[in-house]
Protein backbone atom coordinates (compact mmCIF):
# COMPACT_ATOMS: atom_id res chain seq x y z
CA MET A 1 9.41 0.57 -6.65
CA THR A 2 10.74 3.36 -4.51
CA VAL A 3 8.09 5.98 -5.18
CA ARG A 4 6.77 7.19 -1.86
CA THR A 5 3.42 5.46 -1.63
CA THR A 6 3.13 5.02 2.08
CA VAL A 7 0.86 6.40 4.72
CA VAL A 8 3.85 6.98 6.94
CA VAL A 9 6.13 9.97 6.75
CA GLY A 10 9.80 9.65 5.93
CA ALA A 11 10.60 10.14 9.60
CA THR A 12 9.99 6.48 10.31
CA ALA A 13 12.69 5.02 8.13
CA VAL A 14 15.91 3.60 9.90
CA ALA A 15 18.25 -0.05 10.83
CA LEU A 16 18.42 -3.11 12.90
CA THR A 17 20.52 -6.24 12.61
CA THR A 18 18.86 -9.57 13.37
CA GLY A 19 19.71 -13.22 13.01
CA LEU A 20 18.94 -15.03 9.77
CA ALA A 21 16.48 -17.90 9.84
CA ALA A 22 16.57 -20.66 7.26
CA PRO A 23 14.15 -19.88 4.42
CA ALA A 24 11.00 -21.94 4.06
CA MET A 25 10.25 -23.27 0.59
CA ALA A 26 7.07 -24.59 -0.95
CA ALA A 27 6.55 -25.81 -4.50
CA GLY A 28 9.61 -24.44 -6.19
CA SER A 29 13.28 -24.96 -6.97
CA ASP A 30 16.44 -22.99 -7.62
CA THR A 31 14.63 -20.95 -10.28
CA HIS A 32 14.01 -18.57 -7.36
CA ALA A 33 17.59 -18.60 -6.08
CA ALA A 34 18.12 -14.91 -6.85
CA THR A 35 14.94 -13.99 -4.98
CA ARG A 36 15.98 -16.03 -1.97
CA GLN A 37 19.37 -14.34 -1.97
CA ALA A 38 17.79 -10.87 -2.17
CA VAL A 39 15.50 -11.66 0.77
CA ARG A 40 18.46 -12.81 2.87
CA ALA A 41 20.36 -9.66 1.91
CA ALA A 42 17.49 -7.50 3.15
CA VAL A 43 17.75 -9.13 6.57
CA LYS A 44 21.52 -8.66 6.61
CA ASP A 45 20.92 -4.99 5.82
CA GLY A 46 18.74 -4.60 8.90
CA VAL A 47 15.20 -5.76 8.15
CA PRO A 48 13.96 -7.86 11.11
CA GLY A 49 12.19 -10.39 8.91
CA VAL A 50 10.73 -11.01 5.46
CA THR A 51 7.86 -13.13 4.17
CA LEU A 52 7.38 -13.60 0.43
CA THR A 53 5.17 -15.59 -1.92
CA ALA A 54 5.37 -15.76 -5.72
CA ARG A 55 3.01 -17.39 -8.24
CA ASP A 56 3.83 -18.30 -11.83
CA GLY A 57 3.16 -21.04 -14.35
CA ARG A 58 5.06 -23.53 -12.22
CA GLY A 59 2.93 -22.95 -9.12
CA THR A 60 3.27 -21.11 -5.84
CA TRP A 61 6.56 -20.61 -4.02
CA SER A 62 7.26 -19.03 -0.63
CA THR A 63 10.35 -18.08 1.34
CA THR A 64 11.00 -16.37 4.65
CA ALA A 65 14.07 -14.94 6.37
CA GLY A 66 14.83 -13.27 9.66
CA VAL A 67 12.53 -13.11 12.65
CA GLY A 68 8.93 -12.23 13.31
CA ASN A 69 9.65 -11.41 16.93
CA ILE A 70 12.99 -9.89 17.96
CA ARG A 71 12.41 -10.80 21.60
CA THR A 72 11.63 -14.50 21.17
CA HIS A 73 13.46 -14.94 17.81
CA ALA A 74 10.41 -16.73 16.40
CA PRO A 75 10.79 -16.87 12.61
CA ARG A 76 8.52 -15.24 10.08
CA GLU A 77 5.98 -17.54 8.45
CA ALA A 78 4.87 -17.82 4.83
CA ASP A 79 1.25 -17.16 5.80
CA ASP A 80 1.90 -14.15 8.05
CA ARG A 81 -0.75 -11.47 7.83
CA TYR A 82 0.45 -7.89 7.84
CA ARG A 83 -0.67 -4.30 7.38
CA VAL A 84 -0.37 -3.55 3.66
CA GLY A 85 -0.46 0.25 3.82
CA SER A 86 -1.02 1.93 0.47
CA ILE A 87 -1.67 -1.32 -1.37
CA THR A 88 -5.16 -0.51 -0.07
CA LYS A 89 -5.34 2.11 -2.82
CA THR A 90 -5.59 -0.46 -5.60
CA PHE A 91 -8.61 -2.04 -3.89
CA VAL A 92 -10.28 1.37 -3.49
CA SER A 93 -9.63 2.33 -7.12
CA THR A 94 -11.02 -1.02 -8.30
CA VAL A 95 -14.30 -0.37 -6.47
CA LEU A 96 -14.65 3.12 -7.98
CA LEU A 97 -13.99 1.74 -11.45
CA GLN A 98 -16.59 -0.97 -10.91
CA LEU A 99 -19.07 1.74 -9.93
CA GLU A 100 -18.22 3.60 -13.12
CA ALA A 101 -18.79 0.43 -15.16
CA GLU A 102 -22.22 0.14 -13.52
CA GLY A 103 -23.07 3.70 -14.56
CA ARG A 104 -23.32 4.95 -10.99
CA LEU A 105 -20.62 7.59 -11.38
CA SER A 106 -18.12 8.93 -13.89
CA LEU A 107 -14.45 9.44 -13.19
CA ASP A 108 -14.90 12.85 -14.80
CA ASP A 109 -17.37 13.82 -12.06
CA THR A 110 -16.05 16.50 -9.76
CA VAL A 111 -15.31 15.83 -6.13
CA GLU A 112 -17.74 18.63 -5.32
CA LYS A 113 -20.59 16.70 -6.96
CA TRP A 114 -20.27 13.84 -4.50
CA LEU A 115 -18.74 15.60 -1.49
CA PRO A 116 -20.11 19.16 -1.55
CA GLY A 117 -18.09 21.57 0.54
CA VAL A 118 -15.54 18.99 1.70
CA VAL A 119 -12.60 20.05 -0.50
CA ARG A 120 -12.56 23.75 0.15
CA GLY A 121 -10.22 26.24 1.77
CA ASN A 122 -6.75 27.73 1.32
CA GLY A 123 -7.08 27.45 -2.44
CA HIS A 124 -8.54 23.94 -2.58
CA ASP A 125 -11.64 23.74 -4.76
CA GLY A 126 -13.45 20.42 -5.21
CA SER A 127 -15.40 21.78 -8.17
CA ARG A 128 -12.15 21.85 -10.18
CA ILE A 129 -10.95 18.35 -9.23
CA THR A 130 -12.21 15.13 -10.81
CA LEU A 131 -12.40 11.66 -9.33
CA ARG A 132 -9.83 10.57 -11.92
CA GLN A 133 -7.40 13.17 -10.57
CA LEU A 134 -7.85 11.77 -7.08
CA LEU A 135 -6.99 8.27 -8.27
CA ASN A 136 -3.88 9.20 -10.27
CA HIS A 137 -2.60 11.83 -7.80
CA THR A 138 -2.88 14.80 -10.15
CA SER A 139 -5.41 16.64 -7.95
CA GLY A 140 -2.86 18.87 -6.21
CA ILE A 141 -4.58 18.25 -2.85
CA PHE A 142 -2.17 18.49 0.07
CA ASN A 143 -1.09 15.19 1.61
CA TYR A 144 -2.37 15.14 5.20
CA THR A 145 0.44 12.84 6.39
CA ALA A 146 2.92 15.57 5.38
CA ASP A 147 1.46 17.90 8.01
CA GLU A 148 4.13 18.50 10.68
CA THR A 149 1.79 18.27 13.65
CA PHE A 150 0.20 15.10 12.32
CA GLY A 151 3.65 13.58 11.83
CA ARG A 152 4.81 14.40 15.36
CA THR A 153 1.55 13.11 16.81
CA TYR A 154 1.39 9.76 15.03
CA PHE A 155 4.83 8.89 13.66
CA LEU A 156 7.38 9.98 16.28
CA LYS A 157 7.91 8.15 19.57
CA ASP A 158 6.34 10.48 22.12
CA GLY A 159 3.28 11.18 20.01
CA PHE A 160 2.79 7.60 18.83
CA PHE A 161 2.67 6.02 22.27
CA LYS A 162 0.28 8.70 23.48
CA HIS A 163 -2.02 8.60 20.45
CA ARG A 164 -1.71 5.10 18.95
CA TYR A 165 -5.31 4.24 19.91
CA ASP A 166 -6.89 7.47 18.65
CA THR A 167 -9.74 7.17 16.15
CA GLN A 168 -9.57 9.55 13.20
CA SER A 169 -12.58 10.04 10.95
CA PRO A 170 -12.07 10.56 7.22
CA GLY A 171 -13.42 14.07 7.63
CA GLN A 172 -10.81 14.87 10.25
CA LEU A 173 -8.02 13.65 8.00
CA VAL A 174 -9.26 15.74 5.08
CA ALA A 175 -9.52 18.77 7.36
CA VAL A 176 -5.80 18.46 8.13
CA ALA A 177 -5.09 18.76 4.40
CA MET A 178 -7.48 21.66 3.92
CA ALA A 179 -5.46 23.71 6.44
CA HIS A 180 -2.70 23.86 3.80
CA LYS A 181 -2.47 25.30 0.32
CA PRO A 182 -2.71 22.89 -2.64
CA ASP A 183 0.54 21.57 -4.06
CA PHE A 184 -0.43 22.74 -7.57
CA ALA A 185 -3.44 23.49 -9.75
CA PRO A 186 -5.51 20.37 -10.56
CA GLY A 187 -4.16 18.41 -13.51
CA THR A 188 -0.93 20.38 -13.90
CA SER A 189 1.49 18.06 -12.10
CA TRP A 190 1.79 14.87 -10.02
CA ASN A 191 2.33 14.42 -6.30
CA TYR A 192 1.45 11.47 -4.11
CA SER A 193 -1.24 12.44 -1.60
CA ASN A 194 -2.94 10.09 0.82
CA THR A 195 -5.75 12.64 1.09
CA ASN A 196 -6.83 11.69 -2.45
CA TYR A 197 -7.72 8.18 -1.36
CA VAL A 198 -9.39 9.20 1.87
CA LEU A 199 -11.68 11.25 -0.35
CA ALA A 200 -12.10 8.32 -2.75
CA GLY A 201 -13.31 6.18 0.15
CA MET A 202 -15.76 8.91 1.14
CA VAL A 203 -17.10 9.01 -2.43
CA ILE A 204 -17.69 5.24 -2.37
CA GLN A 205 -19.81 5.64 0.75
CA GLU A 206 -21.74 8.54 -0.75
CA VAL A 207 -22.50 6.63 -3.96
CA THR A 208 -23.35 3.25 -2.43
CA GLY A 209 -24.57 4.08 1.07
CA ARG A 210 -22.02 1.59 2.42
CA SER A 211 -18.49 2.08 3.69
CA TYR A 212 -15.59 1.54 1.35
CA GLY A 213 -14.60 -1.45 3.48
CA GLU A 214 -18.00 -3.09 3.06
CA GLU A 215 -17.81 -2.56 -0.70
CA ILE A 216 -14.31 -4.06 -0.87
CA ARG A 217 -15.49 -7.11 1.07
CA HIS A 218 -18.58 -7.53 -1.12
CA ARG A 219 -16.91 -6.86 -4.47
CA ILE A 220 -13.35 -8.20 -4.06
CA ILE A 221 -12.54 -10.08 -0.86
CA ASP A 222 -15.49 -12.48 -0.90
CA PRO A 223 -15.58 -13.23 -4.66
CA LEU A 224 -11.83 -13.92 -4.77
CA ARG A 225 -11.92 -15.81 -1.45
CA LEU A 226 -9.17 -13.68 0.05
CA THR A 227 -9.41 -15.33 3.45
CA ALA A 228 -6.44 -13.46 4.98
CA THR A 229 -7.57 -10.02 3.80
CA SER A 230 -9.55 -7.58 5.94
CA VAL A 231 -10.46 -3.94 6.37
CA PRO A 232 -9.92 -3.43 10.10
CA GLY A 233 -11.52 -0.03 10.61
CA THR A 234 -10.60 0.77 14.22
CA ARG A 235 -9.49 -2.74 15.24
CA VAL A 236 -6.02 -2.33 16.74
CA THR A 237 -4.69 -5.88 16.37
CA VAL A 238 -3.50 -7.93 13.39
CA PRO A 239 -5.19 -11.36 13.06
CA ARG A 240 -3.01 -14.40 13.51
CA PRO A 241 -0.89 -15.86 12.08
CA SER A 242 1.17 -12.70 12.12
CA SER A 243 4.51 -11.33 13.23
CA ARG A 244 5.36 -8.27 15.28
CA ALA A 245 5.98 -4.96 13.50
CA TYR A 246 8.89 -2.67 14.36
CA SER A 247 9.82 0.98 13.92
CA LYS A 248 12.42 3.47 15.09
CA LEU A 249 9.73 6.18 15.49
CA ALA A 250 12.44 8.75 14.88
CA GLU A 251 13.79 11.15 12.29
CA THR A 252 17.15 9.35 12.11
CA ALA A 253 18.33 5.89 11.10
CA THR A 254 19.66 5.08 14.55
CA GLY A 255 18.32 4.57 18.03
CA PRO A 256 16.04 2.10 19.79
CA THR A 257 13.61 -0.19 18.00
CA TYR A 258 9.98 -0.19 19.13
CA ASP A 259 7.19 -2.71 18.75
CA VAL A 260 4.39 -0.86 16.92
CA THR A 261 2.21 -3.84 16.04
CA VAL A 262 -0.82 -2.57 17.92
CA LEU A 263 -2.37 0.66 16.63
CA ASN A 264 -5.66 2.11 15.45
CA PRO A 265 -5.37 2.13 11.64
CA SER A 266 -8.09 4.73 11.15
CA LEU A 267 -5.26 7.27 10.76
CA ALA A 268 -4.70 5.60 7.37
CA SER A 269 -8.37 5.15 6.45
CA SER A 270 -9.01 4.22 2.81
CA ALA A 271 -5.49 5.40 1.95
CA GLY A 272 -3.86 2.47 3.71
CA GLU A 273 -5.56 0.58 6.54
CA MET A 274 -6.00 -2.90 5.06
CA ILE A 275 -4.46 -6.20 6.23
CA SER A 276 -3.58 -9.17 4.01
CA ASP A 277 -0.97 -11.83 3.33
CA SER A 278 1.29 -12.46 0.37
CA ALA A 279 -0.77 -15.26 -1.18
CA ASP A 280 -3.95 -13.14 -1.13
CA LEU A 281 -2.16 -10.16 -2.67
CA ASP A 282 -0.81 -12.37 -5.46
CA ARG A 283 -4.33 -13.62 -6.11
CA PHE A 284 -5.81 -10.12 -6.11
CA TYR A 285 -3.34 -8.52 -8.50
CA SER A 286 -3.35 -11.53 -10.80
CA ALA A 287 -7.17 -11.44 -11.00
CA LEU A 288 -7.12 -7.69 -11.57
CA LEU A 289 -4.65 -7.78 -14.46
CA LYS A 290 -6.38 -10.80 -16.01
CA GLY A 291 -9.59 -8.77 -16.24
CA ARG A 292 -11.59 -10.71 -13.67
CA LEU A 293 -12.52 -7.62 -11.63
CA LEU A 294 -12.99 -4.91 -14.28
CA PRO A 295 -14.37 -4.71 -17.82
CA PRO A 296 -11.76 -3.96 -20.53
CA LYS A 297 -12.66 -0.25 -20.67
CA GLN A 298 -12.13 0.29 -16.96
CA LEU A 299 -8.97 -1.82 -16.83
CA LYS A 300 -7.56 0.28 -19.66
CA GLU A 301 -8.39 3.42 -17.69
CA MET A 302 -6.69 1.99 -14.61
CA LYS A 303 -3.55 1.24 -16.67
CA THR A 304 -3.41 4.69 -18.29
CA THR A 305 -0.46 6.23 -16.48
CA VAL A 306 1.04 9.63 -15.82
CA PRO A 307 4.78 10.19 -15.28
CA VAL A 308 6.17 9.82 -11.75
CA GLU A 309 8.72 12.47 -10.86
CA GLY A 310 12.12 10.96 -10.12
CA LEU A 311 11.30 7.55 -11.62
CA PRO A 312 11.89 7.63 -15.39
CA ASN A 313 10.88 4.00 -15.84
CA ALA A 314 7.62 4.24 -13.93
CA GLY A 315 4.11 5.56 -14.42
CA TYR A 316 1.14 5.88 -12.06
CA GLY A 317 -2.32 4.90 -13.24
CA LEU A 318 -5.46 4.75 -11.14
CA GLY A 319 -4.21 3.18 -7.92
CA LEU A 320 -1.88 1.01 -9.98
CA MET A 321 1.76 1.60 -10.83
CA ASP A 322 3.66 0.41 -13.91
CA ARG A 323 7.40 -0.18 -13.57
CA LYS A 324 9.80 -1.25 -16.32
CA LEU A 325 12.52 -3.42 -14.80
CA SER A 326 16.16 -3.65 -15.92
CA CYS A 327 15.43 -6.74 -18.05
CA GLY A 328 12.58 -4.99 -19.89
CA VAL A 329 9.75 -6.74 -18.01
CA HIS A 330 6.85 -4.51 -16.95
CA VAL A 331 5.30 -5.17 -13.58
CA TRP A 332 2.06 -3.65 -12.33
CA GLY A 333 1.14 -3.21 -8.69
CA HIS A 334 1.70 -1.03 -5.66
CA ASN A 335 3.83 -0.75 -2.59
CA GLY A 336 2.77 0.36 0.84
CA GLY A 337 4.03 1.25 4.25
CA ILE A 338 2.55 1.88 7.64
CA HIS A 339 4.13 1.73 11.09
CA GLY A 340 6.49 -1.26 11.21
CA SER A 341 5.43 -2.67 7.88
CA SER A 342 6.75 -2.25 4.33
CA SER A 343 5.09 -4.25 1.55
CA VAL A 344 5.23 -4.72 -2.22
CA ALA A 345 2.79 -6.53 -4.53
CA VAL A 346 3.32 -6.68 -8.30
CA THR A 347 2.36 -8.83 -11.26
CA THR A 348 3.13 -9.02 -14.97
CA ALA A 349 0.74 -7.41 -17.44
CA ASP A 350 -0.89 -10.77 -18.18
CA GLY A 351 -1.31 -11.57 -14.48
CA ARG A 352 0.58 -14.85 -14.82
CA HIS A 353 3.59 -14.07 -12.63
CA SER A 354 2.91 -12.38 -9.31
CA LEU A 355 5.02 -11.45 -6.30
CA ALA A 356 4.12 -10.10 -2.87
CA PHE A 357 6.32 -9.64 0.17
CA ASN A 358 6.57 -7.80 3.46
CA TYR A 359 9.30 -6.42 5.71
CA ASN A 360 8.25 -6.18 9.37
CA GLY A 361 10.33 -3.04 9.85
CA ASP A 362 9.90 0.38 8.25
CA TRP A 363 13.42 1.81 8.25
CA SER A 364 15.62 -0.47 6.14
CA GLY A 365 15.68 -2.80 3.16
CA ASP A 366 15.78 -2.37 -0.62
CA THR A 367 12.53 -3.68 -2.09
CA ASP A 368 13.61 -2.99 -5.69
CA THR A 369 16.32 -5.63 -5.45
CA VAL A 370 13.80 -8.30 -4.49
CA VAL A 371 11.47 -7.42 -7.38
CA GLU A 372 14.38 -7.38 -9.85
CA ALA A 373 15.59 -10.74 -8.55
CA GLU A 374 12.21 -12.43 -9.00
CA PHE A 375 11.44 -11.14 -12.49
CA CYS A 376 14.92 -10.62 -13.94
CA GLY A 377 17.14 -13.03 -11.98
CA GLU A 378 18.55 -16.17 -13.52
């Protein structure tokens, strides 16, 4: 799943070679040999460390490779918590679809109805954009993380270390986008925009009177007992157990490696600020696809996809992506990136076989190979 679904800009992608730690196994056998090999290959290619957990009819299986700390060489752990980036979007979309099922909003409502005057300027017009178009990225709203000044301030070395503790409100993030022209007229094309999901989080607050994070905790985290999952808001640390997160903070694939574990995730807001672990993500996506979180009508809406430019075997639904693998298996889920963290979480259409993993570096590593190995490997 290589579609750009991160809250980081491409400037943060680059390579580091680290030692390989012996993988940790739990409840499994050589049926996951291809996955284990793909994880080791990612570390050889430059990822500092990997943590992965899969669930299927045989039980739960975990493996790790590489290091969680390049200074101490401490290994990654199966229960590491990490920043999940844009995987947050599936949680946000689920809440909006639950609100629709309760009759509290319609996905055909305009953004203007719920956020009057917010999406306006330089050709943006919230009265022409629906909530559905926010969720499937057909709104045409400019992606605030593509703004050059924002990128220099938060994703390159000098700006990051000066501004890593800044608090950004959702309104400030949307204002960055409104300073640009739309990418296209609403509903006429597709382009991934983090601004869409910042707005979706704002709509949740407007409809419920509670923050999107509170609604996610109440509606998803607590019922599913996702004990490693949190919505940090402005909290700058990652709860333990966790590894360090690393980035090049540069526009090239070379140069020094920096520890970027500590940051204020409000710059990602409801587009990508959440924290979780692989076991929780498996549980969430499995429950979602099994229909435990949404009625059939809303789950069908979530799984109604639009084409993704550049990925002929993929479609984007409402915060949920469908990908047809080389062996014909369809997996549903999302990937996500934020400073020093690259994650993938997918499950089969019946929710019976799930996979979630994380790289604690944002510049290297082929995630597609790991997904293919788990679902198509011998």
